[in-house]
Protein backbone atom coordinates (compact mmCIF):
# COMPACT_ATOMS: atom_id res chain seq x y z
CA UNK A 1 0.00 0.00 0.00
CA UNK A 2 1.05 3.59 -0.55
CA UNK A 3 0.79 6.52 1.83
CA UNK A 4 -0.88 9.88 1.41
CA UNK A 5 2.55 11.48 1.48
CA UNK A 6 3.74 9.23 -1.36
CA UNK A 7 0.74 10.17 -3.49
CA UNK A 8 1.49 13.88 -2.97
CA UNK A 9 5.20 13.37 -3.67
CA UNK A 10 4.53 11.30 -6.79
CA UNK A 11 2.24 13.98 -8.17
CA UNK A 12 4.84 16.63 -7.45
CA UNK A 13 7.65 14.71 -9.14
CA UNK A 14 5.45 14.31 -12.23
CA UNK A 15 4.23 17.93 -12.03
CA UNK A 16 0.63 16.71 -12.11
CA UNK A 17 -2.30 18.49 -10.53
CA UNK A 18 -4.82 16.62 -8.40
CA UNK A 19 -7.26 17.09 -11.28
CA UNK A 20 -4.79 15.50 -13.70
CA UNK A 21 -4.25 12.46 -11.49
CA UNK A 22 -8.00 12.16 -11.00
CA UNK A 23 -8.61 12.11 -14.75
CA UNK A 24 -5.80 9.67 -15.48
CA UNK A 25 -6.77 7.27 -12.68
CA UNK A 26 -10.53 7.73 -13.14
CA UNK A 27 -10.87 8.54 -9.43
CA UNK A 28 -12.70 11.64 -8.22
CA UNK A 29 -10.56 14.68 -7.46
CA UNK A 30 -12.17 15.04 -4.02
CA UNK A 31 -11.09 11.48 -3.25
CA UNK A 32 -7.52 12.20 -4.40
CA UNK A 33 -7.36 15.28 -2.18
CA UNK A 34 -8.84 13.42 0.80
CA UNK A 35 -6.33 10.57 0.48
CA UNK A 36 -3.40 12.97 0.12
CA UNK A 37 -4.42 14.81 3.26
CA UNK A 38 -4.03 11.66 5.36
CA UNK A 39 -0.77 10.66 6.99
CA UNK A 40 0.30 7.06 6.55
CA UNK A 41 -1.83 4.57 4.67
CA UNK A 42 -5.08 6.33 3.83
CA UNK A 43 -8.33 4.77 4.90
CA UNK A 44 -10.42 3.85 1.92
CA UNK A 45 -11.01 1.13 -0.57
CA UNK A 46 -7.95 -0.84 -1.60
CA UNK A 47 -9.05 -0.80 -5.25
CA UNK A 48 -8.91 3.01 -5.27
CA UNK A 49 -5.38 3.08 -3.83
CA UNK A 50 -4.36 0.37 -6.31
CA UNK A 51 -5.73 2.40 -9.24
CA UNK A 52 -3.83 5.49 -8.10
CA UNK A 53 -0.62 3.52 -7.58
CA UNK A 54 -0.90 1.81 -10.98
CA UNK A 55 -1.51 5.15 -12.72
CA UNK A 56 1.52 6.75 -11.08
CA UNK A 57 3.73 3.72 -11.77
CA UNK A 58 2.72 3.73 -15.44
CA UNK A 59 3.87 7.35 -15.57
CA UNK A 60 7.32 6.33 -14.31
CA UNK A 61 7.07 6.66 -10.54
CA UNK A 62 8.66 4.00 -8.37
CA UNK A 63 7.45 3.62 -4.80
CA UNK A 64 10.26 2.78 -2.40
CA UNK A 65 10.41 1.70 1.21
CA UNK A 66 7.36 0.53 3.09
CA UNK A 67 4.60 2.55 4.70
CA UNK A 68 6.28 1.92 8.06
CA UNK A 69 9.91 2.24 7.01
CA UNK A 70 11.24 5.10 4.88
CA UNK A 71 8.39 5.44 2.36
CA UNK A 72 9.32 7.48 -0.68
CA UNK A 73 9.11 7.91 -4.43
CA UNK A 74 11.51 8.31 -7.31
CA UNK A 75 11.40 8.31 -11.08
CA UNK A 76 12.44 5.10 -12.80
PDB file of N, CA and C in Angstrom:
ATOM      1  N   UNK A   1       0.837  -1.182   0.000  1.00  0.00           N
ATOM      2  CA  UNK A   1       0.000   0.000   0.000  1.00  0.00           C
ATOM      3  C   UNK A   1       0.887   1.253   0.000  1.00  0.00           C
ATOM      4  N   UNK A   2       0.333   2.318  -0.509  1.00  0.00           N
ATOM      5  CA  UNK A   2       1.051   3.588  -0.550  1.00  0.00           C
ATOM      6  C   UNK A   2       0.453   4.539   0.476  1.00  0.00           C
ATOM      7  N   UNK A   3       1.229   5.546   0.831  1.00  0.00           N
ATOM      8  CA  UNK A   3       0.787   6.524   1.829  1.00  0.00           C
ATOM      9  C   UNK A   3       0.284   7.795   1.146  1.00  0.00           C
ATOM     10  N   UNK A   4      -0.428   8.588   1.918  1.00  0.00           N
ATOM     11  CA  UNK A   4      -0.881   9.882   1.406  1.00  0.00           C
ATOM     12  C   UNK A   4       0.292  10.762   1.005  1.00  0.00           C
ATOM     13  N   UNK A   5       1.360  10.694   1.799  1.00  0.00           N
ATOM     14  CA  UNK A   5       2.552  11.484   1.480  1.00  0.00           C
ATOM     15  C   UNK A   5       3.175  11.040   0.159  1.00  0.00           C
ATOM     16  N   UNK A   6       3.173   9.731  -0.102  1.00  0.00           N
ATOM     17  CA  UNK A   6       3.737   9.229  -1.356  1.00  0.00           C
ATOM     18  C   UNK A   6       2.905   9.669  -2.557  1.00  0.00           C
ATOM     19  N   UNK A   7       1.597   9.705  -2.394  1.00  0.00           N
ATOM     20  CA  UNK A   7       0.740  10.172  -3.492  1.00  0.00           C
ATOM     21  C   UNK A   7       1.069  11.632  -3.812  1.00  0.00           C
ATOM     22  N   UNK A   8       1.152  12.460  -2.770  1.00  0.00           N
ATOM     23  CA  UNK A   8       1.494  13.880  -2.972  1.00  0.00           C
ATOM     24  C   UNK A   8       2.864  14.025  -3.634  1.00  0.00           C
ATOM     25  N   UNK A   9       3.842  13.274  -3.135  1.00  0.00           N
ATOM     26  CA  UNK A   9       5.205  13.373  -3.668  1.00  0.00           C
ATOM     27  C   UNK A   9       5.262  12.894  -5.119  1.00  0.00           C
ATOM     28  N   UNK A  10       4.537  11.822  -5.421  1.00  0.00           N
ATOM     29  CA  UNK A  10       4.534  11.296  -6.788  1.00  0.00           C
ATOM     30  C   UNK A  10       3.923  12.315  -7.753  1.00  0.00           C
ATOM     31  N   UNK A  11       2.836  12.948  -7.332  1.00  0.00           N
ATOM     32  CA  UNK A  11       2.236  13.977  -8.172  1.00  0.00           C
ATOM     33  C   UNK A  11       3.201  15.121  -8.402  1.00  0.00           C
ATOM     34  N   UNK A  12       3.897  15.508  -7.337  1.00  0.00           N
ATOM     35  CA  UNK A  12       4.842  16.626  -7.445  1.00  0.00           C
ATOM     36  C   UNK A  12       5.983  16.293  -8.393  1.00  0.00           C
ATOM     37  N   UNK A  13       6.509  15.086  -8.297  1.00  0.00           N
ATOM     38  CA  UNK A  13       7.646  14.711  -9.142  1.00  0.00           C
ATOM     39  C   UNK A  13       7.234  14.651 -10.615  1.00  0.00           C
ATOM     40  N   UNK A  14       5.955  14.339 -10.860  1.00  0.00           N
ATOM     41  CA  UNK A  14       5.448  14.306 -12.234  1.00  0.00           C
ATOM     42  C   UNK A  14       4.903  15.662 -12.698  1.00  0.00           C
ATOM     43  N   UNK A  15       4.810  16.609 -11.747  1.00  0.00           N
ATOM     44  CA  UNK A  15       4.229  17.929 -12.025  1.00  0.00           C
ATOM     45  C   UNK A  15       2.775  17.798 -12.492  1.00  0.00           C
ATOM     46  N   UNK A  16       2.043  16.901 -11.831  1.00  0.00           N
ATOM     47  CA  UNK A  16       0.629  16.705 -12.114  1.00  0.00           C
ATOM     48  C   UNK A  16      -0.201  17.424 -11.069  1.00  0.00           C
ATOM     49  N   UNK A  17      -1.338  17.938 -11.477  1.00  0.00           N
ATOM     50  CA  UNK A  17      -2.301  18.487 -10.529  1.00  0.00           C
ATOM     51  C   UNK A  17      -3.148  17.330  -9.988  1.00  0.00           C
ATOM     52  N   UNK A  18      -3.882  17.616  -8.925  1.00  0.00           N
ATOM     53  CA  UNK A  18      -4.818  16.616  -8.404  1.00  0.00           C
ATOM     54  C   UNK A  18      -5.873  16.295  -9.457  1.00  0.00           C
ATOM     55  N   UNK A  19      -6.289  17.310 -10.203  1.00  0.00           N
ATOM     56  CA  UNK A  19      -7.257  17.088 -11.276  1.00  0.00           C
ATOM     57  C   UNK A  19      -6.693  16.155 -12.349  1.00  0.00           C
ATOM     58  N   UNK A  20      -5.426  16.352 -12.690  1.00  0.00           N
ATOM     59  CA  UNK A  20      -4.790  15.503 -13.700  1.00  0.00           C
ATOM     60  C   UNK A  20      -4.713  14.050 -13.253  1.00  0.00           C
ATOM     61  N   UNK A  21      -4.308  13.830 -12.008  1.00  0.00           N
ATOM     62  CA  UNK A  21      -4.253  12.463 -11.485  1.00  0.00           C
ATOM     63  C   UNK A  21      -5.650  11.860 -11.439  1.00  0.00           C
ATOM     64  N   UNK A  22      -6.626  12.654 -11.058  1.00  0.00           N
ATOM     65  CA  UNK A  22      -8.003  12.159 -10.999  1.00  0.00           C
ATOM     66  C   UNK A  22      -8.475  11.697 -12.378  1.00  0.00           C
ATOM     67  N   UNK A  23      -8.194  12.482 -13.393  1.00  0.00           N
ATOM     68  CA  UNK A  23      -8.608  12.108 -14.752  1.00  0.00           C
ATOM     69  C   UNK A  23      -7.891  10.859 -15.227  1.00  0.00           C
ATOM     70  N   UNK A  24      -6.583  10.804 -14.996  1.00  0.00           N
ATOM     71  CA  UNK A  24      -5.798   9.671 -15.482  1.00  0.00           C
ATOM     72  C   UNK A  24      -6.140   8.375 -14.743  1.00  0.00           C
ATOM     73  N   UNK A  25      -6.473   8.463 -13.467  1.00  0.00           N
ATOM     74  CA  UNK A  25      -6.765   7.266 -12.681  1.00  0.00           C
ATOM     75  C   UNK A  25      -8.259   6.950 -12.626  1.00  0.00           C
ATOM     76  N   UNK A  26      -9.078   7.870 -13.159  1.00  0.00           N
ATOM     77  CA  UNK A  26     -10.531   7.730 -13.140  1.00  0.00           C
ATOM     78  C   UNK A  26     -11.069   7.640 -11.709  1.00  0.00           C
ATOM     79  N   UNK A  27     -10.453   8.410 -10.823  1.00  0.00           N
ATOM     80  CA  UNK A  27     -10.866   8.537  -9.428  1.00  0.00           C
ATOM     81  C   UNK A  27     -11.252  10.007  -9.226  1.00  0.00           C
ATOM     82  N   UNK A  28     -12.246  10.265  -8.444  1.00  0.00           N
ATOM     83  CA  UNK A  28     -12.700  11.643  -8.223  1.00  0.00           C
ATOM     84  C   UNK A  28     -11.619  12.508  -7.588  1.00  0.00           C
ATOM     85  N   UNK A  29     -11.571  13.765  -7.985  1.00  0.00           N
ATOM     86  CA  UNK A  29     -10.559  14.685  -7.464  1.00  0.00           C
ATOM     87  C   UNK A  29     -10.728  14.885  -5.959  1.00  0.00           C
ATOM     88  N   UNK A  30     -11.951  14.897  -5.470  1.00  0.00           N
ATOM     89  CA  UNK A  30     -12.171  15.042  -4.024  1.00  0.00           C
ATOM     90  C   UNK A  30     -11.579  13.849  -3.275  1.00  0.00           C
ATOM     91  N   UNK A  31     -11.674  12.674  -3.865  1.00  0.00           N
ATOM     92  CA  UNK A  31     -11.086  11.476  -3.254  1.00  0.00           C
ATOM     93  C   UNK A  31      -9.572  11.577  -3.241  1.00  0.00           C
ATOM     94  N   UNK A  32      -8.982  12.024  -4.332  1.00  0.00           N
ATOM     95  CA  UNK A  32      -7.521  12.197  -4.398  1.00  0.00           C
ATOM     96  C   UNK A  32      -7.078  13.156  -3.294  1.00  0.00           C
ATOM     97  N   UNK A  33      -7.737  14.276  -3.190  1.00  0.00           N
ATOM     98  CA  UNK A  33      -7.357  15.279  -2.175  1.00  0.00           C
ATOM     99  C   UNK A  33      -7.532  14.743  -0.759  1.00  0.00           C
ATOM    100  N   UNK A  34      -8.605  13.989  -0.531  1.00  0.00           N
ATOM    101  CA  UNK A  34      -8.842  13.420   0.796  1.00  0.00           C
ATOM    102  C   UNK A  34      -7.752  12.422   1.161  1.00  0.00           C
ATOM    103  N   UNK A  35      -7.378  11.565   0.218  1.00  0.00           N
ATOM    104  CA  UNK A  35      -6.332  10.569   0.482  1.00  0.00           C
ATOM    105  C   UNK A  35      -4.976  11.226   0.728  1.00  0.00           C
ATOM    106  N   UNK A  36      -4.672  12.264  -0.048  1.00  0.00           N
ATOM    107  CA  UNK A  36      -3.399  12.966   0.117  1.00  0.00           C
ATOM    108  C   UNK A  36      -3.301  13.690   1.456  1.00  0.00           C
ATOM    109  N   UNK A  37      -4.425  14.067   2.000  1.00  0.00           N
ATOM    110  CA  UNK A  37      -4.425  14.809   3.265  1.00  0.00           C
ATOM    111  C   UNK A  37      -4.159  13.908   4.472  1.00  0.00           C
ATOM    112  N   UNK A  38      -4.235  12.600   4.263  1.00  0.00           N
ATOM    113  CA  UNK A  38      -4.029  11.659   5.361  1.00  0.00           C
ATOM    114  C   UNK A  38      -2.559  11.298   5.494  1.00  0.00           C
ATOM    115  N   UNK A  39      -2.117  11.150   6.735  1.00  0.00           N
ATOM    116  CA  UNK A  39      -0.765  10.664   6.988  1.00  0.00           C
ATOM    117  C   UNK A  39      -0.799   9.146   7.048  1.00  0.00           C
ATOM    118  N   UNK A  40       0.254   8.520   6.548  1.00  0.00           N
ATOM    119  CA  UNK A  40       0.305   7.062   6.548  1.00  0.00           C
ATOM    120  C   UNK A  40      -0.598   6.492   5.478  1.00  0.00           C
ATOM    121  N   UNK A  41      -0.964   5.227   5.651  1.00  0.00           N
ATOM    122  CA  UNK A  41      -1.833   4.574   4.673  1.00  0.00           C
ATOM    123  C   UNK A  41      -3.229   5.153   4.818  1.00  0.00           C
ATOM    124  N   UNK A  42      -3.759   5.725   3.748  1.00  0.00           N
ATOM    125  CA  UNK A  42      -5.083   6.334   3.834  1.00  0.00           C
ATOM    126  C   UNK A  42      -6.167   5.277   4.041  1.00  0.00           C
ATOM    127  N   UNK A  43      -7.184   5.650   4.787  1.00  0.00           N
ATOM    128  CA  UNK A  43      -8.335   4.767   4.901  1.00  0.00           C
ATOM    129  C   UNK A  43      -9.147   4.910   3.630  1.00  0.00           C
ATOM    130  N   UNK A  44      -9.652   3.831   3.153  1.00  0.00           N
ATOM    131  CA  UNK A  44     -10.423   3.850   1.921  1.00  0.00           C
ATOM    132  C   UNK A  44     -10.363   2.488   1.270  1.00  0.00           C
ATOM    133  N   UNK A  45     -10.961   2.396   0.136  1.00  0.00           N
ATOM    134  CA  UNK A  45     -11.006   1.126  -0.568  1.00  0.00           C
ATOM    135  C   UNK A  45      -9.660   0.821  -1.204  1.00  0.00           C
ATOM    136  N   UNK A  46      -9.232  -0.410  -1.044  1.00  0.00           N
ATOM    137  CA  UNK A  46      -7.947  -0.836  -1.598  1.00  0.00           C
ATOM    138  C   UNK A  46      -7.918  -0.675  -3.111  1.00  0.00           C
ATOM    139  N   UNK A  47      -9.036  -0.895  -3.772  1.00  0.00           N
ATOM    140  CA  UNK A  47      -9.051  -0.795  -5.250  1.00  0.00           C
ATOM    141  C   UNK A  47      -8.759   0.629  -5.703  1.00  0.00           C
ATOM    142  N   UNK A  48      -9.176   1.614  -4.921  1.00  0.00           N
ATOM    143  CA  UNK A  48      -8.907   3.014  -5.272  1.00  0.00           C
ATOM    144  C   UNK A  48      -7.427   3.311  -5.127  1.00  0.00           C
ATOM    145  N   UNK A  49      -6.825   2.881  -4.020  1.00  0.00           N
ATOM    146  CA  UNK A  49      -5.385   3.082  -3.832  1.00  0.00           C
ATOM    147  C   UNK A  49      -4.589   2.345  -4.906  1.00  0.00           C
ATOM    148  N   UNK A  50      -5.040   1.137  -5.256  1.00  0.00           N
ATOM    149  CA  UNK A  50      -4.361   0.372  -6.309  1.00  0.00           C
ATOM    150  C   UNK A  50      -4.425   1.100  -7.649  1.00  0.00           C
ATOM    151  N   UNK A  51      -5.583   1.675  -7.966  1.00  0.00           N
ATOM    152  CA  UNK A  51      -5.731   2.402  -9.239  1.00  0.00           C
ATOM    153  C   UNK A  51      -4.811   3.617  -9.279  1.00  0.00           C
ATOM    154  N   UNK A  52      -4.717   4.322  -8.172  1.00  0.00           N
ATOM    155  CA  UNK A  52      -3.833   5.486  -8.101  1.00  0.00           C
ATOM    156  C   UNK A  52      -2.382   5.047  -8.236  1.00  0.00           C
ATOM    157  N   UNK A  53      -1.999   4.014  -7.512  1.00  0.00           N
ATOM    158  CA  UNK A  53      -0.621   3.523  -7.575  1.00  0.00           C
ATOM    159  C   UNK A  53      -0.267   3.059  -8.979  1.00  0.00           C
ATOM    160  N   UNK A  54      -1.156   2.300  -9.613  1.00  0.00           N
ATOM    161  CA  UNK A  54      -0.905   1.814 -10.978  1.00  0.00           C
ATOM    162  C   UNK A  54      -0.728   2.972 -11.948  1.00  0.00           C
ATOM    163  N   UNK A  55      -1.577   3.987 -11.837  1.00  0.00           N
ATOM    164  CA  UNK A  55      -1.505   5.152 -12.723  1.00  0.00           C
ATOM    165  C   UNK A  55      -0.166   5.859 -12.573  1.00  0.00           C
ATOM    166  N   UNK A  56       0.259   6.065 -11.332  1.00  0.00           N
ATOM    167  CA  UNK A  56       1.525   6.749 -11.085  1.00  0.00           C
ATOM    168  C   UNK A  56       2.713   5.907 -11.534  1.00  0.00           C
ATOM    169  N   UNK A  57       2.642   4.605 -11.329  1.00  0.00           N
ATOM    170  CA  UNK A  57       3.735   3.722 -11.770  1.00  0.00           C
ATOM    171  C   UNK A  57       3.832   3.698 -13.292  1.00  0.00           C
ATOM    172  N   UNK A  58       2.701   3.697 -13.976  1.00  0.00           N
ATOM    173  CA  UNK A  58       2.717   3.728 -15.443  1.00  0.00           C
ATOM    174  C   UNK A  58       3.331   5.011 -15.979  1.00  0.00           C
ATOM    175  N   UNK A  59       3.277   6.068 -15.180  1.00  0.00           N
ATOM    176  CA  UNK A  59       3.869   7.349 -15.573  1.00  0.00           C
ATOM    177  C   UNK A  59       5.355   7.426 -15.229  1.00  0.00           C
ATOM    178  N   UNK A  60       5.883   6.375 -14.584  1.00  0.00           N
ATOM    179  CA  UNK A  60       7.316   6.335 -14.310  1.00  0.00           C
ATOM    180  C   UNK A  60       7.718   6.495 -12.862  1.00  0.00           C
ATOM    181  N   UNK A  61       6.752   6.535 -11.955  1.00  0.00           N
ATOM    182  CA  UNK A  61       7.067   6.664 -10.536  1.00  0.00           C
ATOM    183  C   UNK A  61       7.343   5.290  -9.946  1.00  0.00           C
ATOM    184  N   UNK A  62       8.352   5.227  -9.110  1.00  0.00           N
ATOM    185  CA  UNK A  62       8.655   4.003  -8.372  1.00  0.00           C
ATOM    186  C   UNK A  62       8.460   4.302  -6.889  1.00  0.00           C
ATOM    187  N   UNK A  63       7.676   3.475  -6.234  1.00  0.00           N
ATOM    188  CA  UNK A  63       7.446   3.622  -4.798  1.00  0.00           C
ATOM    189  C   UNK A  63       8.498   2.811  -4.063  1.00  0.00           C
ATOM    190  N   UNK A  64       9.173   3.438  -3.123  1.00  0.00           N
ATOM    191  CA  UNK A  64      10.259   2.784  -2.398  1.00  0.00           C
ATOM    192  C   UNK A  64       9.952   2.747  -0.907  1.00  0.00           C
ATOM    193  N   UNK A  65      10.637   1.865  -0.220  1.00  0.00           N
ATOM    194  CA  UNK A  65      10.410   1.705   1.208  1.00  0.00           C
ATOM    195  C   UNK A  65       9.085   1.016   1.467  1.00  0.00           C
ATOM    196  N   UNK A  66       8.661   1.050   2.702  1.00  0.00           N
ATOM    197  CA  UNK A  66       7.357   0.525   3.086  1.00  0.00           C
ATOM    198  C   UNK A  66       6.612   1.647   3.808  1.00  0.00           C
ATOM    199  N   UNK A  67       5.307   1.501   3.984  1.00  0.00           N
ATOM    200  CA  UNK A  67       4.596   2.554   4.705  1.00  0.00           C
ATOM    201  C   UNK A  67       5.153   2.810   6.103  1.00  0.00           C
ATOM    202  N   UNK A  68       5.744   1.784   6.709  1.00  0.00           N
ATOM    203  CA  UNK A  68       6.283   1.918   8.060  1.00  0.00           C
ATOM    204  C   UNK A  68       7.767   2.235   8.112  1.00  0.00           C
ATOM    205  N   UNK A  69       8.460   2.061   6.990  1.00  0.00           N
ATOM    206  CA  UNK A  69       9.912   2.243   7.013  1.00  0.00           C
ATOM    207  C   UNK A  69      10.376   2.985   5.763  1.00  0.00           C
ATOM    208  N   UNK A  70      10.683   4.237   5.910  1.00  0.00           N
ATOM    209  CA  UNK A  70      11.238   5.096   4.877  1.00  0.00           C
ATOM    210  C   UNK A  70      10.457   5.071   3.558  1.00  0.00           C
ATOM    211  N   UNK A  71       9.149   5.388   3.608  1.00  0.00           N
ATOM    212  CA  UNK A  71       8.389   5.440   2.363  1.00  0.00           C
ATOM    213  C   UNK A  71       8.848   6.618   1.510  1.00  0.00           C
ATOM    214  N   UNK A  72       8.902   6.416   0.213  1.00  0.00           N
ATOM    215  CA  UNK A  72       9.319   7.480  -0.679  1.00  0.00           C
ATOM    216  C   UNK A  72       8.932   7.192  -2.111  1.00  0.00           C
ATOM    217  N   UNK A  73       9.333   8.066  -3.012  1.00  0.00           N
ATOM    218  CA  UNK A  73       9.106   7.906  -4.434  1.00  0.00           C
ATOM    219  C   UNK A  73      10.342   8.367  -5.198  1.00  0.00           C
ATOM    220  N   UNK A  74      10.469   7.839  -6.393  1.00  0.00           N
ATOM    221  CA  UNK A  74      11.511   8.309  -7.313  1.00  0.00           C
ATOM    222  C   UNK A  74      11.067   7.963  -8.723  1.00  0.00           C
ATOM    223  N   UNK A  75      11.680   8.628  -9.684  1.00  0.00           N
ATOM    224  CA  UNK A  75      11.405   8.309 -11.083  1.00  0.00           C
ATOM    225  C   UNK A  75      12.267   7.131 -11.497  1.00  0.00           C
ATOM    226  N   UNK A  76      11.683   6.264 -12.296  1.00  0.00           N
ATOM    227  CA  UNK A  76      12.435   5.098 -12.799  1.00  0.00           C
ATOM    228  C   UNK A  76      13.448   5.539 -13.800  1.00  0.00           C
TER     229      UNK A  76
END
